[in-house]
């Protein structure tokens, strides 16, 4: 995945794609130095649960298809490659 690393007020890190979608990042490496950088993150999506990290929790989508349409997911980062020291802004891309 490629995008810009941002940090919210709660200290959580997210990868924001050029289309504006946000994905929460889970990394062993300190993501602080990468805030504001354009990066390529390698890893895998993992499901998260509000009550904890139990992998045996039941699905939030029932057989009827009702419930949470998109469960909370985050991206577990295994490797970060810096593509640019700064994130491109939408106005800079239009030039």
N, C-alpha and C. Protein backbone atom coordinates (compact mmCIF):
# COMPACT_ATOMS: atom_id res chain seq x y z
N UNK A 1 0.84 -1.18 0.00
CA UNK A 1 0.00 0.00 0.00
C UNK A 1 0.88 1.24 0.00
N UNK A 2 0.45 2.24 -0.75
CA UNK A 2 1.18 3.50 -0.77
C UNK A 2 0.31 4.60 -0.19
N UNK A 3 0.94 5.54 0.50
CA UNK A 3 0.21 6.67 1.02
C UNK A 3 1.05 7.52 1.94
N UNK A 4 0.38 8.45 2.59
CA UNK A 4 1.02 9.40 3.48
C UNK A 4 0.77 8.98 4.93
N UNK A 5 1.80 8.96 5.73
CA UNK A 5 1.66 8.60 7.14
C UNK A 5 1.24 9.83 7.93
N UNK A 6 0.15 9.68 8.69
CA UNK A 6 -0.34 10.76 9.55
C UNK A 6 -0.56 10.21 10.95
N UNK A 7 -0.59 11.12 11.92
CA UNK A 7 -0.82 10.75 13.32
C UNK A 7 -1.98 11.57 13.84
N UNK A 8 -2.92 10.92 14.53
CA UNK A 8 -4.06 11.66 15.07
C UNK A 8 -3.78 12.12 16.49
N UNK A 9 -4.73 12.80 17.09
CA UNK A 9 -4.55 13.36 18.44
C UNK A 9 -4.39 12.28 19.51
N UNK A 10 -4.88 11.07 19.23
CA UNK A 10 -4.75 9.96 20.18
C UNK A 10 -3.42 9.23 20.06
N UNK A 11 -2.57 9.68 19.13
CA UNK A 11 -1.27 9.04 18.94
C UNK A 11 -1.30 7.82 18.05
N UNK A 12 -2.42 7.62 17.32
CA UNK A 12 -2.53 6.50 16.40
C UNK A 12 -2.03 6.92 15.02
N UNK A 13 -1.42 5.98 14.32
CA UNK A 13 -0.86 6.26 13.00
C UNK A 13 -1.78 5.69 11.92
N UNK A 14 -1.92 6.44 10.82
CA UNK A 14 -2.75 6.04 9.70
C UNK A 14 -2.00 6.25 8.41
N UNK A 15 -2.35 5.45 7.40
CA UNK A 15 -1.84 5.64 6.05
C UNK A 15 -3.00 6.19 5.24
N UNK A 16 -2.80 7.36 4.64
CA UNK A 16 -3.84 8.01 3.84
C UNK A 16 -3.44 7.88 2.38
N UNK A 17 -4.32 7.20 1.59
CA UNK A 17 -4.03 7.01 0.17
C UNK A 17 -4.29 8.29 -0.60
N UNK A 18 -3.87 8.30 -1.86
CA UNK A 18 -4.10 9.47 -2.70
C UNK A 18 -5.59 9.71 -2.92
N UNK A 19 -6.41 8.67 -2.78
CA UNK A 19 -7.86 8.81 -2.94
C UNK A 19 -8.52 9.26 -1.65
N UNK A 20 -7.74 9.34 -0.56
CA UNK A 20 -8.27 9.86 0.69
C UNK A 20 -8.70 8.81 1.70
N UNK A 21 -8.61 7.52 1.34
CA UNK A 21 -9.00 6.50 2.32
C UNK A 21 -7.92 6.40 3.40
N UNK A 22 -8.37 6.11 4.63
CA UNK A 22 -7.47 6.02 5.78
C UNK A 22 -7.45 4.60 6.30
N UNK A 23 -6.25 4.11 6.59
CA UNK A 23 -6.10 2.77 7.16
C UNK A 23 -5.22 2.90 8.40
N UNK A 24 -5.71 2.38 9.52
CA UNK A 24 -4.93 2.41 10.75
C UNK A 24 -3.73 1.48 10.60
N UNK A 25 -2.58 1.96 11.08
CA UNK A 25 -1.35 1.18 10.99
C UNK A 25 -0.99 0.56 12.33
N UNK A 26 -0.53 -0.66 12.29
CA UNK A 26 -0.02 -1.38 13.46
C UNK A 26 1.39 -1.79 13.09
N UNK A 27 2.39 -1.23 13.76
CA UNK A 27 3.77 -1.52 13.39
C UNK A 27 4.63 -1.70 14.63
N UNK A 28 5.59 -2.60 14.52
CA UNK A 28 6.57 -2.78 15.58
C UNK A 28 7.53 -1.60 15.56
N UNK A 29 7.89 -1.17 14.37
CA UNK A 29 8.79 -0.03 14.17
C UNK A 29 8.08 1.26 14.57
N UNK A 30 8.80 2.20 15.15
CA UNK A 30 8.25 3.51 15.51
C UNK A 30 7.89 4.25 14.22
N UNK A 31 6.62 4.59 14.07
CA UNK A 31 6.16 5.28 12.87
C UNK A 31 6.37 6.79 12.94
N UNK A 32 6.73 7.31 14.11
CA UNK A 32 6.92 8.75 14.30
C UNK A 32 7.80 9.41 13.25
N UNK A 33 8.97 8.84 12.93
CA UNK A 33 9.83 9.48 11.93
C UNK A 33 9.22 9.51 10.53
N UNK A 34 8.19 8.71 10.28
CA UNK A 34 7.60 8.65 8.94
C UNK A 34 6.38 9.56 8.76
N UNK A 35 5.95 10.25 9.84
CA UNK A 35 4.81 11.15 9.73
C UNK A 35 5.13 12.24 8.71
N UNK A 36 4.22 12.43 7.75
CA UNK A 36 4.42 13.44 6.71
C UNK A 36 5.18 12.93 5.50
N UNK A 37 5.57 11.66 5.52
CA UNK A 37 6.30 11.08 4.39
C UNK A 37 5.37 10.24 3.53
N UNK A 38 5.67 10.19 2.24
CA UNK A 38 5.00 9.29 1.31
C UNK A 38 5.75 7.96 1.39
N UNK A 39 5.03 6.87 1.70
CA UNK A 39 5.68 5.58 1.92
C UNK A 39 4.97 4.46 1.17
N UNK A 40 5.68 3.35 1.03
CA UNK A 40 5.08 2.09 0.58
C UNK A 40 5.16 1.15 1.77
N UNK A 41 4.02 0.74 2.28
CA UNK A 41 3.96 -0.15 3.43
C UNK A 41 3.68 -1.56 2.94
N UNK A 42 4.48 -2.50 3.40
CA UNK A 42 4.27 -3.91 3.09
C UNK A 42 3.82 -4.60 4.35
N UNK A 43 2.85 -5.48 4.23
CA UNK A 43 2.33 -6.18 5.39
C UNK A 43 1.03 -6.85 5.06
N UNK A 44 0.12 -6.90 6.03
CA UNK A 44 -1.16 -7.57 5.83
C UNK A 44 -2.24 -6.90 6.66
N UNK A 45 -3.48 -6.97 6.16
CA UNK A 45 -4.62 -6.47 6.92
C UNK A 45 -4.97 -7.46 8.02
N UNK A 46 -5.33 -6.94 9.18
CA UNK A 46 -5.80 -7.77 10.29
C UNK A 46 -7.09 -7.16 10.81
N UNK A 47 -8.00 -8.03 11.27
CA UNK A 47 -9.24 -7.56 11.88
C UNK A 47 -8.95 -7.17 13.31
N UNK A 48 -9.58 -6.10 13.77
CA UNK A 48 -9.45 -5.69 15.17
C UNK A 48 -10.81 -5.75 15.81
N UNK A 49 -10.82 -5.86 17.13
CA UNK A 49 -12.08 -5.95 17.86
C UNK A 49 -12.05 -4.92 18.98
N UNK A 50 -13.15 -4.20 19.14
CA UNK A 50 -13.25 -3.16 20.16
C UNK A 50 -12.99 -3.71 21.56
N UNK A 51 -13.45 -4.94 21.85
CA UNK A 51 -13.34 -5.50 23.19
C UNK A 51 -11.94 -6.06 23.47
N UNK A 52 -11.12 -6.21 22.49
CA UNK A 52 -9.80 -6.78 22.70
C UNK A 52 -9.28 -7.37 21.41
N UNK A 53 -8.18 -8.09 21.51
CA UNK A 53 -7.56 -8.62 20.30
C UNK A 53 -7.78 -10.11 20.14
N UNK A 54 -8.81 -10.65 20.76
CA UNK A 54 -9.09 -12.08 20.66
C UNK A 54 -9.42 -12.46 19.23
N UNK A 55 -8.72 -13.45 18.70
CA UNK A 55 -8.97 -13.89 17.34
C UNK A 55 -10.15 -14.85 17.27
N UNK A 56 -10.69 -15.28 18.42
CA UNK A 56 -11.80 -16.22 18.42
C UNK A 56 -13.16 -15.50 18.54
N UNK A 57 -13.16 -14.19 18.48
CA UNK A 57 -14.41 -13.44 18.59
C UNK A 57 -15.28 -13.74 17.38
N UNK A 58 -16.60 -13.82 17.57
CA UNK A 58 -17.47 -14.11 16.44
C UNK A 58 -17.52 -12.96 15.45
N UNK A 59 -17.88 -13.29 14.24
CA UNK A 59 -18.01 -12.28 13.19
C UNK A 59 -19.12 -11.31 13.55
N UNK A 60 -18.99 -10.06 13.13
CA UNK A 60 -20.02 -9.07 13.41
C UNK A 60 -21.08 -9.07 12.33
N UNK A 61 -20.90 -9.86 11.28
CA UNK A 61 -21.89 -9.93 10.20
C UNK A 61 -22.61 -11.26 10.31
N UNK A 62 -23.93 -11.21 10.50
CA UNK A 62 -24.72 -12.42 10.64
C UNK A 62 -25.06 -13.02 9.29
N UNK A 63 -25.74 -14.16 9.32
CA UNK A 63 -26.13 -14.84 8.09
C UNK A 63 -27.06 -13.98 7.24
N UNK A 64 -27.79 -13.08 7.89
CA UNK A 64 -28.72 -12.21 7.16
C UNK A 64 -28.00 -11.11 6.41
N UNK A 65 -26.69 -10.94 6.69
CA UNK A 65 -25.93 -9.88 6.03
C UNK A 65 -26.05 -8.55 6.74
N UNK A 66 -26.85 -8.52 7.82
CA UNK A 66 -27.00 -7.27 8.57
C UNK A 66 -25.91 -7.16 9.62
N UNK A 67 -25.71 -6.00 10.12
CA UNK A 67 -24.68 -5.77 11.14
C UNK A 67 -23.64 -4.83 10.59
N UNK A 68 -22.44 -4.98 11.05
CA UNK A 68 -21.35 -4.11 10.62
C UNK A 68 -20.93 -4.53 9.22
N UNK A 69 -21.01 -3.60 8.28
CA UNK A 69 -20.66 -3.91 6.90
C UNK A 69 -19.16 -4.04 6.71
N UNK A 70 -18.43 -3.18 7.35
CA UNK A 70 -16.97 -3.20 7.23
C UNK A 70 -16.37 -3.23 8.62
N UNK A 71 -16.01 -4.40 9.13
CA UNK A 71 -15.44 -4.45 10.47
C UNK A 71 -14.16 -3.62 10.54
N UNK A 72 -13.84 -3.17 11.74
CA UNK A 72 -12.63 -2.37 11.95
C UNK A 72 -11.43 -3.19 11.52
N UNK A 73 -10.63 -2.63 10.62
CA UNK A 73 -9.43 -3.32 10.16
C UNK A 73 -8.25 -2.38 10.28
N UNK A 74 -7.09 -2.97 10.45
CA UNK A 74 -5.87 -2.19 10.43
C UNK A 74 -4.84 -2.95 9.63
N UNK A 75 -3.79 -2.24 9.26
CA UNK A 75 -2.74 -2.83 8.43
C UNK A 75 -1.52 -3.07 9.29
N UNK A 76 -1.12 -4.31 9.42
CA UNK A 76 0.07 -4.66 10.19
C UNK A 76 1.28 -4.48 9.28
N UNK A 77 2.10 -3.49 9.60
CA UNK A 77 3.25 -3.13 8.78
C UNK A 77 4.44 -4.03 9.10
N UNK A 78 4.98 -4.66 8.05
CA UNK A 78 6.17 -5.48 8.20
C UNK A 78 7.40 -4.76 7.67
N UNK A 79 7.18 -3.87 6.68
CA UNK A 79 8.29 -3.14 6.08
C UNK A 79 7.78 -1.80 5.56
N UNK A 80 8.61 -0.77 5.72
CA UNK A 80 8.29 0.58 5.23
C UNK A 80 9.39 1.02 4.28
N UNK A 81 9.00 1.47 3.09
CA UNK A 81 9.94 2.06 2.13
C UNK A 81 9.51 3.51 1.93
N UNK A 82 10.42 4.44 2.16
CA UNK A 82 10.12 5.86 1.98
C UNK A 82 10.22 6.19 0.50
N UNK A 83 9.12 6.71 -0.06
CA UNK A 83 9.09 7.10 -1.47
C UNK A 83 9.41 8.58 -1.64
N UNK A 84 9.02 9.39 -0.65
CA UNK A 84 9.27 10.82 -0.69
C UNK A 84 9.30 11.34 0.75
N UNK A 85 10.14 12.32 1.00
CA UNK A 85 10.24 12.89 2.34
C UNK A 85 9.02 13.73 2.71
N UNK A 86 8.22 14.11 1.70
CA UNK A 86 7.00 14.88 1.96
C UNK A 86 5.85 14.25 1.20
N UNK A 87 4.64 14.50 1.66
CA UNK A 87 3.44 14.01 0.99
C UNK A 87 3.00 15.02 -0.05
N UNK A 88 2.62 14.51 -1.19
CA UNK A 88 2.11 15.39 -2.25
C UNK A 88 0.72 15.86 -1.87
N UNK A 89 0.47 17.13 -2.08
CA UNK A 89 -0.87 17.67 -1.80
C UNK A 89 -1.70 17.61 -3.06
N UNK A 90 -2.99 17.67 -2.92
CA UNK A 90 -3.90 17.62 -4.07
C UNK A 90 -3.64 18.79 -5.00
N UNK A 91 -3.34 19.98 -4.46
CA UNK A 91 -3.11 21.15 -5.31
C UNK A 91 -1.81 21.00 -6.09
N UNK A 92 -0.80 20.36 -5.50
CA UNK A 92 0.48 20.18 -6.18
C UNK A 92 0.33 19.18 -7.33
N UNK A 93 -0.56 18.21 -7.20
CA UNK A 93 -0.75 17.21 -8.24
C UNK A 93 -1.47 17.77 -9.46
N UNK A 94 -2.23 18.85 -9.29
CA UNK A 94 -2.99 19.43 -10.41
C UNK A 94 -2.10 20.25 -11.33
N UNK A 95 -0.92 20.58 -10.91
CA UNK A 95 -0.04 21.43 -11.72
C UNK A 95 0.50 20.69 -12.91
